[in-house]
Amino acid sequence: MDKFELQKLRDLPIEGVAERLGLQVSRHKCLCPFHDDHHASLSFCVRRNTYRCFVCGASGGTIDLVMKVLGKDFLDACRWLANENNVILTEYKPQTSELSRQTSFDAQRYERFFERPWLSIEARRFLFEERQLDERVVRWCRLTSWKDKRGVNWLQIPYYNQEGKLTGIQNRNLRGKEQGARSKEGTAPRFRFPQGSQCGIYNLPVLNLLRPNEPLYITEGCSDCWAMLSAGHKAIAIPSATLLTQKDIEQLSTLNSQLSTEFHMYPDRDEPGERLFLQLQKVLPNLEHHQLPQGCKDFSEYYLSTQRKIPQPSL
């Protein structure tokens, strides 16, 4: 894990990290989890991206907060933050001497896996029974699956640029976010990324299908993007505004200026979701906010609750 990767973890919005840890943040304060607090003494400084309790003295940044709330050591706290925010860490990349010398993503090595995608029983259960996705969307996204030597089942998610070139791969642990996959070697992470993967904006090839003035929906992750596509909308996924590169911003701005693209978003019903919307609105002033109904924390849940009533996608 290099200094650049650590800085990305430290730059994640501190209040968003607190919300994901289960703390209820209001007006930059919450109850302190480190002592018997009844008056919201834990304060957040958004400008410095830090927290401090004026009663017990607890203080620090994003990594410190995860370490103290979850009782994890430094490395495990970094893993947790990376998994929650789709940040690629060197630690998750192959460790053989040959691969460790590579500085760029070897697309040719992985392209063949997506020429004829194969879905295991576990992957089909996740995609079609749990998520109830349209099969055409799964084919469009070229999702495939594999099982590692420890018997852990993974969903393999390819990232392509707008020209259709493979730029990165996100491997998702099909055991789920909470329980992970345990073995004699330990617990497998929620996500794994091959060496050099560039997993920024997801589903960029859909931009080639956009017509002038046509809506484009922005979601917060691959799962929500699949649900939005299955609901009949053209969509991309941006897991975190803090991970957007200047090239990404220019690409979205070009759509706005050349095609008069209408941008829409259903932010997750939490503080990080609303914060992401506000951050993206600075880049895309015409980004339209849609409120999820009560009881649906993200668009995937909304899709599951209404999918029988939503038109089929046209890709």
Foldseek 3Di string as FASTA:
>chain_A
DDPVLVVLLQLDQLVVLCVVLVFDDDPQFTADPPDPGDDGQWGADRVNQKIAGPPPGDIDHSQSVQCVSVVDDSVVSSLVSCLLQVRADPVLADDDPVQVPDQADPQVVCVVCLVDAAADPLRCCVVCVVLVFDVVLCNVQSWHWDADPQRWIWIKGFAAALVGGTQWIKIAGSVDQPPADQDPVGGDGRIGIYRHHDDAKGPNVLVVVDAAQFEEEEFQDDSLCRLCQQLAHHYIYGNALSSDDPVNLVVVVCCCPPRVYQYEYAFFPDDRRVVRVVSVCVSVVRYYYDYDDPPGRGNSSVCVVCVVPGDGYDD
